[in-house]
Amino acid sequence: MKVGLLLEGGAMRGLYTAGVLDIFLDNNIKIDTIIGVSAGALFGVNYKSKQRGRALRYNLKYANDKRYMGMRPLLKTGNIMNKEFCFDTVPNELDIFDYERYKNEPEKFYAVVTNVETGKAEYILIDDLKQKMEYLRASGSMPFVSKFVEINGVKYLDGGTADSIPIEKMLEMDMDKIIVILTRPIDYRKKKSNEVIPNIFYSKYPNFVNTINNRYKKYNEQVEKILELEKENKIFVIRPSRLVDIKRVEKDVKKLQQMYDLGIEDANDSINKLKEYLNK
């Protein structure tokens, strides 16, 4: 039986996903293929490396570190997430990422990125994270507050721009069972955003502008598709059972802990039903 796991993004809401995945580790939930979007990819890699608690630990420790993320690195480097600190210093020096364990574990892990020229999503197999760290960084590089991540001459940004919840891609992969972890409550829908700003900011990239301006439609369609599949018992969904007031770049460690704890709580509440779903 092949099991797929889909991880929505959402910046610091992704700590909800980190909590859920830590409960999966506690319960030895076996996954074959993972698709992570933005924060879903950034935090989800710790599931494959089997480093329980790591995502919460470094976020609590460095949330208010001027080197980590926020206005200071944005003004200094053009990226709201400091490239050197987030993707080099933290995983290689301060909170060591287990690259070898990641590479040797059997799960296939895909990070979603958005090609700025085409405006389309690409799904990158991250088989060796040390070698492909730039794709992971691209997946979480939010528009307007991040520079393009250029890899082999191709410009990329946040995967959630083109494919926020890639349920269609996961269905194409012919999994026997699919688990979806969302970071918004069941009643959340995106609203149409101001189209002027993307047109000005990314005027040289009309396909990307079109993708940004139509993101809300695609997102809402994906949510409805997931609800339909869930009712038919074709997928298993874990989502926040209540709203946590948390910013995309949250500095309040109590709110970060609260988001993670809700993931722990909801996963514990769902784990027996999940095991039943997987064993059918």
C-alpha atoms as a PDB file:
ATOM      1  CA  MET A   1       0.000   0.000   0.000  1.00  0.00           C
ATOM      2  CA  LYS A   2       1.325   3.419  -0.989  1.00  0.00           C
ATOM      3  CA  VAL A   3       0.557   6.347   1.332  1.00  0.00           C
ATOM      4  CA  GLY A   4       0.864   9.975   0.258  1.00  0.00           C
ATOM      5  CA  LEU A   5       1.174  12.949   2.588  1.00  0.00           C
ATOM      6  CA  LEU A   6       0.321  16.484   1.499  1.00  0.00           C
ATOM      7  CA  LEU A   7       1.526  19.445   3.596  1.00  0.00           C
ATOM      8  CA  GLU A   8       0.004  22.893   3.088  1.00  0.00           C
ATOM      9  CA  GLY A   9       2.128  26.003   3.698  1.00  0.00           C
ATOM     10  CA  GLY A  10       1.245  29.134   5.629  1.00  0.00           C
ATOM     11  CA  ALA A  11       4.456  30.578   7.101  1.00  0.00           C
ATOM     12  CA  MET A  12       4.367  30.245  10.913  1.00  0.00           C
ATOM     13  CA  ARG A  13       1.036  28.426  10.742  1.00  0.00           C
ATOM     14  CA  GLY A  14       3.296  25.605   9.580  1.00  0.00           C
ATOM     15  CA  LEU A  15       4.134  24.899  13.213  1.00  0.00           C
ATOM     16  CA  TYR A  16       0.698  23.282  13.352  1.00  0.00           C
ATOM     17  CA  THR A  17       1.965  20.802  10.756  1.00  0.00           C
ATOM     18  CA  ALA A  18       5.159  20.301  12.779  1.00  0.00           C
ATOM     19  CA  GLY A  19       3.048  19.270  15.772  1.00  0.00           C
ATOM     20  CA  VAL A  20       0.975  16.838  13.717  1.00  0.00           C
ATOM     21  CA  LEU A  21       4.075  15.272  12.175  1.00  0.00           C
ATOM     22  CA  ASP A  22       5.686  14.783  15.577  1.00  0.00           C
ATOM     23  CA  ILE A  23       2.653  12.737  16.619  1.00  0.00           C
ATOM     24  CA  PHE A  24       3.021  10.758  13.377  1.00  0.00           C
ATOM     25  CA  LEU A  25       6.600   9.977  14.406  1.00  0.00           C
ATOM     26  CA  ASP A  26       5.431   8.909  17.863  1.00  0.00           C
ATOM     27  CA  ASN A  27       2.938   6.527  16.264  1.00  0.00           C
ATOM     28  CA  ASN A  28       5.249   5.234  13.519  1.00  0.00           C
ATOM     29  CA  ILE A  29       2.940   6.357  10.704  1.00  0.00           C
ATOM     30  CA  LYS A  30       4.544   5.102   7.501  1.00  0.00           C
ATOM     31  CA  ILE A  31       4.534   7.396   4.457  1.00  0.00           C
ATOM     32  CA  ASP A  32       5.778   6.689   0.931  1.00  0.00           C
ATOM     33  CA  THR A  33       5.539  10.086  -0.778  1.00  0.00           C
ATOM     34  CA  ILE A  34       5.399  13.590   0.691  1.00  0.00           C
ATOM     35  CA  ILE A  35       4.580  16.841  -1.106  1.00  0.00           C
ATOM     36  CA  GLY A  36       5.422  19.937   0.923  1.00  0.00           C
ATOM     37  CA  VAL A  37       4.451  23.485   0.018  1.00  0.00           C
ATOM     38  CA  SER A  38       6.359  26.466   1.418  1.00  0.00           C
ATOM     39  CA  ALA A  39       6.366  26.100   5.231  1.00  0.00           C
ATOM     40  CA  GLY A  40       5.003  22.594   4.724  1.00  0.00           C
ATOM     41  CA  ALA A  41       8.266  21.773   2.967  1.00  0.00           C
ATOM     42  CA  LEU A  42      10.499  23.783   5.317  1.00  0.00           C
ATOM     43  CA  PHE A  43       9.149  22.066   8.421  1.00  0.00           C
ATOM     44  CA  GLY A  44       8.177  18.766   6.797  1.00  0.00           C
ATOM     45  CA  VAL A  45      11.754  17.750   5.992  1.00  0.00           C
ATOM     46  CA  ASN A  46      12.211  17.116   9.730  1.00  0.00           C
ATOM     47  CA  TYR A  47       9.699  14.270   9.456  1.00  0.00           C
ATOM     48  CA  LYS A  48      11.861  12.513   6.872  1.00  0.00           C
ATOM     49  CA  SER A  49      15.010  13.068   8.947  1.00  0.00           C
ATOM     50  CA  LYS A  50      13.072  11.784  12.010  1.00  0.00           C
ATOM     51  CA  GLN A  51      14.027  14.808  14.124  1.00  0.00           C
ATOM     52  CA  ARG A  52      11.079  15.141  16.455  1.00  0.00           C
ATOM     53  CA  GLY A  53      10.626  18.621  17.919  1.00  0.00           C
ATOM     54  CA  ARG A  54      13.334  20.264  15.824  1.00  0.00           C
ATOM     55  CA  ALA A  55      11.042  22.660  13.914  1.00  0.00           C
ATOM     56  CA  LEU A  56       9.502  23.976  17.115  1.00  0.00           C
ATOM     57  CA  ARG A  57      12.842  24.139  18.916  1.00  0.00           C
ATOM     58  CA  TYR A  58      14.715  26.386  16.500  1.00  0.00           C
ATOM     59  CA  ASN A  59      11.703  28.608  15.849  1.00  0.00           C
ATOM     60  CA  LEU A  60      11.192  29.268  19.550  1.00  0.00           C
ATOM     61  CA  LYS A  61      14.897  29.859  20.074  1.00  0.00           C
ATOM     62  CA  TYR A  62      15.467  32.230  17.144  1.00  0.00           C
ATOM     63  CA  ALA A  63      12.068  33.880  16.591  1.00  0.00           C
ATOM     64  CA  ASN A  64      13.352  37.139  18.037  1.00  0.00           C
ATOM     65  CA  ASP A  65      16.927  36.824  16.812  1.00  0.00           C
ATOM     66  CA  LYS A  66      17.648  39.749  14.471  1.00  0.00           C
ATOM     67  CA  ARG A  67      19.522  37.343  12.187  1.00  0.00           C
ATOM     68  CA  TYR A  68      16.513  35.073  11.598  1.00  0.00           C
ATOM     69  CA  MET A  69      13.524  36.680   9.857  1.00  0.00           C
ATOM     70  CA  GLY A  70      11.608  39.943   9.817  1.00  0.00           C
ATOM     71  CA  MET A  71      12.082  43.546   8.761  1.00  0.00           C
ATOM     72  CA  ARG A  72      15.781  43.707   9.584  1.00  0.00           C
ATOM     73  CA  PRO A  73      16.872  40.943   7.173  1.00  0.00           C
ATOM     74  CA  LEU A  74      14.329  42.217   4.619  1.00  0.00           C
ATOM     75  CA  LEU A  75      15.853  45.699   4.620  1.00  0.00           C
ATOM     76  CA  LYS A  76      19.402  44.362   4.782  1.00  0.00           C
ATOM     77  CA  THR A  77      19.226  41.511   2.259  1.00  0.00           C
ATOM     78  CA  GLY A  78      15.925  41.853   0.381  1.00  0.00           C
ATOM     79  CA  ASN A  79      14.683  38.600   1.927  1.00  0.00           C
ATOM     80  CA  ILE A  80      12.395  38.435   4.941  1.00  0.00           C
ATOM     81  CA  MET A  81      14.116  35.143   5.774  1.00  0.00           C
ATOM     82  CA  ASN A  82      17.859  35.630   6.129  1.00  0.00           C
ATOM     83  CA  LYS A  83      19.345  33.176   3.629  1.00  0.00           C
ATOM     84  CA  GLU A  84      22.666  32.628   5.372  1.00  0.00           C
ATOM     85  CA  PHE A  85      21.251  32.260   8.864  1.00  0.00           C
ATOM     86  CA  CYS A  86      18.111  30.217   8.055  1.00  0.00           C
ATOM     87  CA  PHE A  87      19.548  27.859   5.463  1.00  0.00           C
ATOM     88  CA  ASP A  88      23.182  27.559   6.525  1.00  0.00           C
ATOM     89  CA  THR A  89      23.913  28.653  10.096  1.00  0.00           C
ATOM     90  CA  VAL A  90      20.854  27.045  11.726  1.00  0.00           C
ATOM     91  CA  PRO A  91      20.916  23.613  10.012  1.00  0.00           C
ATOM     92  CA  ASN A  92      24.703  23.307   9.834  1.00  0.00           C
ATOM     93  CA  GLU A  93      25.824  24.853  13.124  1.00  0.00           C
ATOM     94  CA  LEU A  94      23.121  25.781  15.647  1.00  0.00           C
ATOM     95  CA  ASP A  95      20.485  23.032  15.337  1.00  0.00           C
ATOM     96  CA  ILE A  96      22.092  20.361  13.191  1.00  0.00           C
ATOM     97  CA  PHE A  97      19.939  18.822  10.474  1.00  0.00           C
ATOM     98  CA  ASP A  98      20.530  15.104   9.926  1.00  0.00           C
ATOM     99  CA  TYR A  99      21.231  15.136   6.187  1.00  0.00           C
ATOM    100  CA  GLU A 100      22.383  11.516   6.094  1.00  0.00           C
ATOM    101  CA  ARG A 101      19.299  10.189   7.859  1.00  0.00           C
ATOM    102  CA  TYR A 102      17.141  12.287   5.526  1.00  0.00           C
ATOM    103  CA  LYS A 103      18.887  10.881   2.448  1.00  0.00           C
ATOM    104  CA  ASN A 104      18.693   7.293   3.646  1.00  0.00           C
ATOM    105  CA  GLU A 105      15.055   7.227   4.771  1.00  0.00           C
ATOM    106  CA  PRO A 106      12.742   5.715   2.117  1.00  0.00           C
ATOM    107  CA  GLU A 107      10.129   8.483   1.763  1.00  0.00           C
ATOM    108  CA  LYS A 108      10.164  10.494  -1.460  1.00  0.00           C
ATOM    109  CA  PHE A 109       9.942  14.198  -0.606  1.00  0.00           C
ATOM    110  CA  TYR A 110       8.829  16.807  -3.146  1.00  0.00           C
ATOM    111  CA  ALA A 111       8.996  20.566  -2.581  1.00  0.00           C
ATOM    112  CA  VAL A 112       6.660  22.760  -4.617  1.00  0.00           C
ATOM    113  CA  VAL A 113       8.124  25.875  -6.237  1.00  0.00           C
ATOM    114  CA  THR A 114       6.631  28.466  -8.595  1.00  0.00           C
ATOM    115  CA  ASN A 115       8.454  29.215 -11.840  1.00  0.00           C
ATOM    116  CA  VAL A 116       8.309  33.010 -12.134  1.00  0.00           C
ATOM    117  CA  GLU A 117       8.590  33.046 -15.935  1.00  0.00           C
ATOM    118  CA  THR A 118       5.809  30.523 -16.586  1.00  0.00           C
ATOM    119  CA  GLY A 119       3.749  31.178 -13.470  1.00  0.00           C
ATOM    120  CA  LYS A 120       3.384  27.406 -13.064  1.00  0.00           C
ATOM    121  CA  ALA A 121       4.194  25.065 -10.203  1.00  0.00           C
ATOM    122  CA  GLU A 122       7.088  22.643 -10.368  1.00  0.00           C
ATOM    123  CA  TYR A 123       7.484  19.661  -8.066  1.00  0.00           C
ATOM    124  CA  ILE A 124      11.104  19.074  -7.156  1.00  0.00           C
ATOM    125  CA  LEU A 125      12.252  15.741  -5.744  1.00  0.00           C
ATOM    126  CA  ILE A 126      14.470  16.625  -2.786  1.00  0.00           C
ATOM    127  CA  ASP A 127      16.446  13.399  -2.542  1.00  0.00           C
ATOM    128  CA  ASP A 128      19.569  15.076  -1.151  1.00  0.00           C
ATOM    129  CA  LEU A 129      18.682  18.139   0.923  1.00  0.00           C
ATOM    130  CA  LYS A 130      22.239  19.393   1.244  1.00  0.00           C
ATOM    131  CA  GLN A 131      22.543  19.498  -2.532  1.00  0.00           C
ATOM    132  CA  LYS A 132      19.042  20.866  -3.144  1.00  0.00           C
ATOM    133  CA  MET A 133      18.653  23.330  -0.262  1.00  0.00           C
ATOM    134  CA  GLU A 134      18.041  26.198  -2.700  1.00  0.00           C
ATOM    135  CA  TYR A 135      14.856  24.504  -3.944  1.00  0.00           C
ATOM    136  CA  LEU A 136      13.648  24.254  -0.360  1.00  0.00           C
ATOM    137  CA  ARG A 137      14.450  27.937   0.134  1.00  0.00           C
ATOM    138  CA  ALA A 138      12.593  28.788  -3.073  1.00  0.00           C
ATOM    139  CA  SER A 139       9.520  26.905  -1.905  1.00  0.00           C
ATOM    140  CA  GLY A 140       9.290  29.176   1.151  1.00  0.00           C
ATOM    141  CA  SER A 141      10.322  32.481  -0.465  1.00  0.00           C
ATOM    142  CA  MET A 142       7.170  34.596  -0.201  1.00  0.00           C
ATOM    143  CA  PRO A 143       6.417  37.072  -3.027  1.00  0.00           C
ATOM    144  CA  PHE A 144       6.993  40.783  -2.382  1.00  0.00           C
ATOM    145  CA  VAL A 145       9.300  40.108   0.581  1.00  0.00           C
ATOM    146  CA  SER A 146      11.788  37.766  -1.103  1.00  0.00           C
ATOM    147  CA  LYS A 147      14.218  38.003  -3.982  1.00  0.00           C
ATOM    148  CA  PHE A 148      13.938  35.476  -6.768  1.00  0.00           C
ATOM    149  CA  VAL A 149      15.786  32.238  -6.056  1.00  0.00           C
ATOM    150  CA  GLU A 150      17.640  31.509  -9.284  1.00  0.00           C
ATOM    151  CA  ILE A 151      18.617  27.891  -9.899  1.00  0.00           C
ATOM    152  CA  ASN A 152      20.222  26.829 -13.185  1.00  0.00           C
ATOM    153  CA  GLY A 153      19.068  30.092 -14.759  1.00  0.00           C
ATOM    154  CA  VAL A 154      15.426  29.672 -13.686  1.00  0.00           C
ATOM    155  CA  LYS A 155      13.777  32.108 -11.274  1.00  0.00           C
ATOM    156  CA  TYR A 156      11.600  30.635  -8.537  1.00  0.00           C
ATOM    157  CA  LEU A 157       9.434  31.817  -5.636  1.00  0.00           C
ATOM    158  CA  ASP A 158       6.980  30.361  -3.108  1.00  0.00           C
ATOM    159  CA  GLY A 159       5.337  27.145  -4.280  1.00  0.00           C
ATOM    160  CA  GLY A 160       2.072  28.160  -2.643  1.00  0.00           C
ATOM    161  CA  THR A 161       1.619  30.919  -5.205  1.00  0.00           C
ATOM    162  CA  ALA A 162       0.919  28.478  -8.034  1.00  0.00           C
ATOM    163  CA  ASP A 163      -0.284  25.426  -6.099  1.00  0.00           C
ATOM    164  CA  SER A 164      -1.239  26.052  -2.473  1.00  0.00           C
ATOM    165  CA  ILE A 165      -2.710  22.598  -1.828  1.00  0.00           C
ATOM    166  CA  PRO A 166      -1.551  20.287  -4.659  1.00  0.00           C
ATOM    167  CA  ILE A 167      -4.234  17.656  -4.218  1.00  0.00           C
ATOM    168  CA  GLU A 168      -4.453  17.164  -7.988  1.00  0.00           C
ATOM    169  CA  LYS A 169      -0.736  16.367  -8.179  1.00  0.00           C
ATOM    170  CA  MET A 170      -1.019  13.906  -5.317  1.00  0.00           C
ATOM    171  CA  LEU A 171      -3.975  12.177  -6.975  1.00  0.00           C
ATOM    172  CA  GLU A 172      -1.896  11.823 -10.154  1.00  0.00           C
ATOM    173  CA  MET A 173       0.741   9.926  -8.164  1.00  0.00           C
ATOM    174  CA  ASP A 174      -1.653   7.007  -7.739  1.00  0.00           C
ATOM    175  CA  MET A 175      -1.442   6.654  -3.962  1.00  0.00           C
ATOM    176  CA  ASP A 176      -3.660   4.075  -2.260  1.00  0.00           C
ATOM    177  CA  LYS A 177      -4.198   6.382   0.728  1.00  0.00           C
ATOM    178  CA  ILE A 178      -3.733  10.143   1.025  1.00  0.00           C
ATOM    179  CA  ILE A 179      -3.298  12.208   4.191  1.00  0.00           C
ATOM    180  CA  VAL A 180      -3.709  15.989   3.934  1.00  0.00           C
ATOM    181  CA  ILE A 181      -2.528  18.374   6.648  1.00  0.00           C
ATOM    182  CA  LEU A 182      -4.028  21.846   6.310  1.00  0.00           C
ATOM    183  CA  THR A 183      -3.138  24.931   8.329  1.00  0.00           C
ATOM    184  CA  ARG A 184      -6.480  26.753   8.157  1.00  0.00           C
ATOM    185  CA  PRO A 185      -9.792  25.850   9.858  1.00  0.00           C
ATOM    186  CA  ILE A 186     -12.520  24.217   7.798  1.00  0.00           C
ATOM    187  CA  ASP A 187     -14.456  27.426   7.082  1.00  0.00           C
ATOM    188  CA  TYR A 188     -11.525  29.460   5.733  1.00  0.00           C
ATOM    189  CA  ARG A 189     -11.638  30.688   2.122  1.00  0.00           C
ATOM    190  CA  LYS A 190      -9.338  33.153   0.401  1.00  0.00           C
ATOM    191  CA  LYS A 191     -10.663  36.500  -0.785  1.00  0.00           C
ATOM    192  CA  LYS A 192      -9.728  38.274  -3.967  1.00  0.00           C
ATOM    193  CA  SER A 193      -6.694  40.482  -3.389  1.00  0.00           C
ATOM    194  CA  ASN A 194      -5.687  43.823  -4.879  1.00  0.00           C
ATOM    195  CA  GLU A 195      -4.464  43.232  -8.428  1.00  0.00           C
ATOM    196  CA  VAL A 196      -2.612  46.532  -8.742  1.00  0.00           C
ATOM    197  CA  ILE A 197       0.342  45.628  -6.515  1.00  0.00           C
ATOM    198  CA  PRO A 198       1.330  42.411  -8.349  1.00  0.00           C
ATOM    199  CA  ASN A 199       0.984  44.207 -11.695  1.00  0.00           C
ATOM    200  CA  ILE A 200       3.400  46.892 -10.544  1.00  0.00           C
ATOM    201  CA  PHE A 201       5.782  44.667  -8.592  1.00  0.00           C
ATOM    202  CA  TYR A 202       6.135  41.916 -11.201  1.00  0.00           C
ATOM    203  CA  SER A 203       5.328  43.817 -14.401  1.00  0.00           C
ATOM    204  CA  LYS A 204       8.039  41.929 -16.326  1.00  0.00           C
ATOM    205  CA  TYR A 205       6.459  38.590 -15.475  1.00  0.00           C
ATOM    206  CA  PRO A 206       2.829  38.595 -16.689  1.00  0.00           C
ATOM    207  CA  ASN A 207       2.355  34.856 -16.174  1.00  0.00           C
ATOM    208  CA  PHE A 208       3.392  35.182 -12.541  1.00  0.00           C
ATOM    209  CA  VAL A 209       1.081  38.188 -12.094  1.00  0.00           C
ATOM    210  CA  ASN A 210      -1.815  36.172 -13.477  1.00  0.00           C
ATOM    211  CA  THR A 211      -0.998  33.319 -11.099  1.00  0.00           C
ATOM    212  CA  ILE A 212      -0.934  35.632  -8.073  1.00  0.00           C
ATOM    213  CA  ASN A 213      -4.186  37.343  -9.020  1.00  0.00           C
ATOM    214  CA  ASN A 214      -6.008  34.040  -9.517  1.00  0.00           C
ATOM    215  CA  ARG A 215      -4.549  32.262  -6.542  1.00  0.00           C
ATOM    216  CA  TYR A 216      -7.665  32.783  -4.416  1.00  0.00           C
ATOM    217  CA  LYS A 217      -9.845  31.013  -6.990  1.00  0.00           C
ATOM    218  CA  LYS A 218      -7.592  27.980  -7.249  1.00  0.00           C
ATOM    219  CA  TYR A 219      -7.153  27.771  -3.487  1.00  0.00           C
ATOM    220  CA  ASN A 220     -10.902  27.828  -2.846  1.00  0.00           C
ATOM    221  CA  GLU A 221     -11.489  25.225  -5.553  1.00  0.00           C
ATOM    222  CA  GLN A 222      -8.874  22.979  -3.945  1.00  0.00           C
ATOM    223  CA  VAL A 223     -10.495  23.343  -0.523  1.00  0.00           C
ATOM    224  CA  GLU A 224     -13.869  22.321  -1.987  1.00  0.00           C
ATOM    225  CA  LYS A 225     -12.239  19.364  -3.767  1.00  0.00           C
ATOM    226  CA  ILE A 226     -10.652  18.234  -0.514  1.00  0.00           C
ATOM    227  CA  LEU A 227     -13.981  18.492   1.332  1.00  0.00           C
ATOM    228  CA  GLU A 228     -15.604  16.360  -1.358  1.00  0.00           C
ATOM    229  CA  LEU A 229     -12.882  13.693  -1.253  1.00  0.00           C
ATOM    230  CA  GLU A 230     -12.970  13.709   2.539  1.00  0.00           C
ATOM    231  CA  LYS A 231     -16.731  13.085   2.602  1.00  0.00           C
ATOM    232  CA  GLU A 232     -16.200  10.156   0.228  1.00  0.00           C
ATOM    233  CA  ASN A 233     -13.520   8.783   2.600  1.00  0.00           C
ATOM    234  CA  LYS A 234     -10.971   8.879  -0.214  1.00  0.00           C
ATOM    235  CA  ILE A 235      -8.564  11.031   1.774  1.00  0.00           C
ATOM    236  CA  PHE A 236      -7.901  11.747   5.446  1.00  0.00           C
ATOM    237  CA  VAL A 237      -7.646  15.391   6.490  1.00  0.00           C
ATOM    238  CA  ILE A 238      -6.229  16.955   9.641  1.00  0.00           C
ATOM    239  CA  ARG A 239      -6.861  20.695  10.003  1.00  0.00           C
ATOM    240  CA  PRO A 240      -6.857  23.209  12.876  1.00  0.00           C
ATOM    241  CA  SER A 241      -9.902  22.619  15.070  1.00  0.00           C
ATOM    242  CA  ARG A 242      -9.926  26.276  16.046  1.00  0.00           C
ATOM    243  CA  LEU A 243      -8.422  29.556  14.921  1.00  0.00           C
ATOM    244  CA  VAL A 244      -5.100  30.687  16.342  1.00  0.00           C
ATOM    245  CA  ASP A 245      -4.356  34.390  15.881  1.00  0.00           C
ATOM    246  CA  ILE A 246      -0.862  34.111  14.450  1.00  0.00           C
ATOM    247  CA  LYS A 247       1.036  36.311  11.998  1.00  0.00           C
ATOM    248  CA  ARG A 248       2.900  34.984   8.970  1.00  0.00           C
ATOM    249  CA  VAL A 249       6.139  36.178  10.553  1.00  0.00           C
ATOM    250  CA  GLU A 250       5.241  35.728  14.212  1.00  0.00           C
ATOM    251  CA  LYS A 251       7.627  36.827  16.958  1.00  0.00           C
ATOM    252  CA  ASP A 252       5.465  35.916  19.963  1.00  0.00           C
ATOM    253  CA  VAL A 253       6.849  32.572  21.139  1.00  0.00           C
ATOM    254  CA  LYS A 254       3.654  31.868  23.107  1.00  0.00           C
ATOM    255  CA  LYS A 255       1.655  31.959  19.860  1.00  0.00           C
ATOM    256  CA  LEU A 256       4.229  29.765  18.119  1.00  0.00           C
ATOM    257  CA  GLN A 257       3.941  27.242  20.936  1.00  0.00           C
ATOM    258  CA  GLN A 258       0.144  27.501  20.804  1.00  0.00           C
ATOM    259  CA  MET A 259       0.108  26.705  17.074  1.00  0.00           C
ATOM    260  CA  TYR A 260       2.357  23.685  17.577  1.00  0.00           C
ATOM    261  CA  ASP A 261       0.357  22.488  20.595  1.00  0.00           C
ATOM    262  CA  LEU A 262      -2.866  22.631  18.585  1.00  0.00           C
ATOM    263  CA  GLY A 263      -1.214  20.363  15.986  1.00  0.00           C
ATOM    264  CA  ILE A 264      -0.278  17.942  18.771  1.00  0.00           C
ATOM    265  CA  GLU A 265      -3.817  18.066  20.186  1.00  0.00           C
ATOM    266  CA  ASP A 266      -5.621  17.608  16.871  1.00  0.00           C
ATOM    267  CA  ALA A 267      -3.286  14.818  15.770  1.00  0.00           C
ATOM    268  CA  ASN A 268      -3.779  12.947  19.038  1.00  0.00           C
ATOM    269  CA  ASP A 269      -7.548  13.336  18.642  1.00  0.00           C
ATOM    270  CA  SER A 270      -7.354  11.982  15.077  1.00  0.00           C
ATOM    271  CA  ILE A 271      -4.697   9.290  15.336  1.00  0.00           C
ATOM    272  CA  ASN A 272      -6.976   6.306  15.986  1.00  0.00           C
ATOM    273  CA  LYS A 273      -9.270   7.254  13.094  1.00  0.00           C
ATOM    274  CA  LEU A 274      -6.206   7.756  10.897  1.00  0.00           C
ATOM    275  CA  LYS A 275      -4.936   4.278  11.726  1.00  0.00           C
ATOM    276  CA  GLU A 276      -8.358   2.838  10.882  1.00  0.00           C
ATOM    277  CA  TYR A 277      -8.331   4.685   7.550  1.00  0.00           C
ATOM    278  CA  LEU A 278      -4.851   3.386   6.728  1.00  0.00           C
ATOM    279  CA  ASN A 279      -5.710  -0.185   7.698  1.00  0.00           C
ATOM    280  CA  LYS A 280      -8.899  -0.462   5.622  1.00  0.00           C
END
